C-alpha atoms as a PDB file:
ATOM      1  CA  MET A   1     173.427-183.328 -34.079  1.00  0.00           C
ATOM      2  CA  CYS A   2     173.555-180.274 -36.542  1.00  0.00           C
ATOM      3  CA  PRO A   3     170.753-177.909 -35.648  1.00  0.00           C
ATOM      4  CA  THR A   4     170.352-177.071 -39.475  1.00  0.00           C
ATOM      5  CA  TYR A   5     169.672-180.849 -40.143  1.00  0.00           C
ATOM      6  CA  ARG A   6     167.371-181.086 -37.169  1.00  0.00           C
ATOM      7  CA  ALA A   7     165.290-178.188 -38.476  1.00  0.00           C
ATOM      8  CA  THR A   8     165.306-179.276 -42.174  1.00  0.00           C
ATOM      9  CA  ARG A   9     165.679-182.985 -42.071  1.00  0.00           C
ATOM     10  CA  ASP A  10     167.572-182.486 -45.336  1.00  0.00           C
ATOM     11  CA  GLU A  11     170.428-185.055 -45.648  1.00  0.00           C
ATOM     12  CA  ARG A  12     172.430-182.385 -47.448  1.00  0.00           C
ATOM     13  CA  ASN A  13     172.761-180.472 -44.153  1.00  0.00           C
ATOM     14  CA  THR A  14     174.333-183.323 -42.154  1.00  0.00           C
ATOM     15  CA  THR A  15     178.019-183.045 -41.309  1.00  0.00           C
ATOM     16  CA  ARG A  16     178.722-186.094 -43.387  1.00  0.00           C
ATOM     17  CA  ALA A  17     177.033-184.684 -46.443  1.00  0.00           C
ATOM     18  CA  ARG A  18     178.804-181.287 -46.092  1.00  0.00           C
ATOM     19  CA  ALA A  19     182.252-182.934 -45.440  1.00  0.00           C
ATOM     20  CA  ASN A  20     181.929-185.138 -48.404  1.00  0.00           C
ATOM     21  CA  THR A  21     180.792-182.301 -50.697  1.00  0.00           C
ATOM     22  CA  LEU A  22     183.755-180.149 -49.622  1.00  0.00           C
ATOM     23  CA  ARG A  23     186.197-183.029 -49.848  1.00  0.00           C
ATOM     24  CA  GLU A  24     185.023-183.915 -53.288  1.00  0.00           C
ATOM     25  CA  LEU A  25     185.169-180.410 -54.587  1.00  0.00           C
ATOM     26  CA  LEU A  26     188.651-179.651 -53.094  1.00  0.00           C
ATOM     27  CA  ILE A  27     190.007-182.793 -54.642  1.00  0.00           C
ATOM     28  CA  HIS A  28     188.142-182.535 -58.064  1.00  0.00           C
ATOM     29  CA  PRO A  29     187.151-178.924 -58.468  1.00  0.00           C
ATOM     30  CA  LEU A  30     184.543-177.960 -61.062  1.00  0.00           C
ATOM     31  CA  GLN A  31     186.187-174.712 -61.780  1.00  0.00           C
ATOM     32  CA  LYS A  32     189.500-173.101 -61.357  1.00  0.00           C
ATOM     33  CA  ASP A  33     188.595-170.745 -58.501  1.00  0.00           C
ATOM     34  CA  ILE A  34     188.222-173.524 -55.941  1.00  0.00           C
ATOM     35  CA  PHE A  35     186.693-171.514 -53.010  1.00  0.00           C
ATOM     36  CA  ASN A  36     184.180-169.803 -55.243  1.00  0.00           C
ATOM     37  CA  GLN A  37     182.315-172.925 -56.304  1.00  0.00           C
ATOM     38  CA  GLU A  38     178.583-172.613 -55.841  1.00  0.00           C
ATOM     39  CA  GLU A  39     178.437-176.096 -54.124  1.00  0.00           C
ATOM     40  CA  ILE A  40     180.879-175.081 -51.543  1.00  0.00           C
ATOM     41  CA  LEU A  41     179.208-171.906 -50.898  1.00  0.00           C
ATOM     42  CA  THR A  42     175.779-173.592 -50.476  1.00  0.00           C
ATOM     43  CA  ALA A  43     177.236-176.224 -48.078  1.00  0.00           C
ATOM     44  CA  LEU A  44     178.826-173.350 -45.911  1.00  0.00           C
ATOM     45  CA  ASP A  45     175.674-171.225 -46.146  1.00  0.00           C
ATOM     46  CA  THR A  46     173.609-173.471 -44.040  1.00  0.00           C
ATOM     47  CA  CYS A  47     176.295-173.959 -41.316  1.00  0.00           C
ATOM     48  CA  VAL A  48     175.533-171.984 -38.330  1.00  0.00           C
ATOM     49  CA  SER A  49     178.989-172.506 -36.787  1.00  0.00           C
ATOM     50  CA  CYS A  50     177.734-174.185 -33.616  1.00  0.00           C
ATOM     51  CA  LYS A  51     180.480-176.839 -33.579  1.00  0.00           C
ATOM     52  CA  ALA A  52     178.107-179.652 -32.841  1.00  0.00           C
ATOM     53  CA  CYS A  53     179.658-181.479 -35.795  1.00  0.00           C
ATOM     54  CA  LYS A  54     183.117-181.669 -34.196  1.00  0.00           C
ATOM     55  CA  SER A  55     181.913-183.416 -31.085  1.00  0.00           C
ATOM     56  CA  GLU A  56     179.446-185.887 -32.997  1.00  0.00           C
ATOM     57  CA  CYS A  57     181.826-186.785 -35.958  1.00  0.00           C
ATOM     58  CA  PRO A  58     184.185-189.788 -35.457  1.00  0.00           C
ATOM     59  CA  SER A  59     186.658-187.962 -37.794  1.00  0.00           C
ATOM     60  CA  ASN A  60     186.403-184.730 -35.841  1.00  0.00           C
ATOM     61  CA  VAL A  61     185.233-182.547 -38.817  1.00  0.00           C
ATOM     62  CA  ASP A  62     184.992-178.975 -37.630  1.00  0.00           C
ATOM     63  CA  MET A  63     182.703-177.346 -40.229  1.00  0.00           C
ATOM     64  CA  ALA A  64     182.824-174.049 -38.246  1.00  0.00           C
ATOM     65  CA  ARG A  65     186.537-173.792 -38.634  1.00  0.00           C
ATOM     66  CA  PHE A  66     186.450-174.785 -42.276  1.00  0.00           C
ATOM     67  CA  LYS A  67     183.781-172.174 -42.923  1.00  0.00           C
ATOM     68  CA  ARG A  68     185.957-169.521 -41.012  1.00  0.00           C
ATOM     69  CA  ASN A  69     189.054-170.344 -42.924  1.00  0.00           C
ATOM     70  CA  THR A  70     187.170-170.484 -46.345  1.00  0.00           C
ATOM     71  CA  CYS A  71     185.509-167.035 -45.618  1.00  0.00           C
ATOM     72  CA  ASN A  72     188.951-165.597 -44.849  1.00  0.00           C
ATOM     73  CA  ILE A  73     190.379-166.884 -48.142  1.00  0.00           C
ATOM     74  CA  ILE A  74     187.383-165.665 -50.058  1.00  0.00           C
ATOM     75  CA  MET A  75     187.474-162.307 -48.504  1.00  0.00           C
ATOM     76  CA  THR A  76     191.101-161.731 -49.518  1.00  0.00           C
ATOM     77  CA  MET A  77     190.240-162.547 -53.147  1.00  0.00           C
ATOM     78  CA  PRO A  78     190.546-159.559 -55.631  1.00  0.00           C
ATOM     79  CA  ILE A  79     186.726-159.784 -56.268  1.00  0.00           C
ATOM     80  CA  PHE A  80     184.570-160.725 -53.281  1.00  0.00           C
ATOM     81  CA  HIS A  81     182.019-163.038 -54.635  1.00  0.00           C
ATOM     82  CA  CYS A  82     180.728-164.518 -51.341  1.00  0.00           C
ATOM     83  CA  ALA A  83     178.436-162.240 -49.476  1.00  0.00           C
ATOM     84  CA  ARG A  84     176.222-164.849 -48.099  1.00  0.00           C
ATOM     85  CA  VAL A  85     178.807-167.228 -46.230  1.00  0.00           C
END
């Protein structure tokens, strides 16, 4: 179980909620710059990259990997907007 969810008991911090948020925003982005959407940054901000999600999720969602890849994309952008991820 996600340690962030265990600490907060906030449904938005479950792997399922994060994965659904990210999937929805990647398929139907709210703005042109997909990886700089506030909702994606918020979902990744609470991930501690522990990889507990990968073992517990039947779909093998690896939020830590997604977070790492997203941060790499964001850091190569001309204007670095994502200091907190």
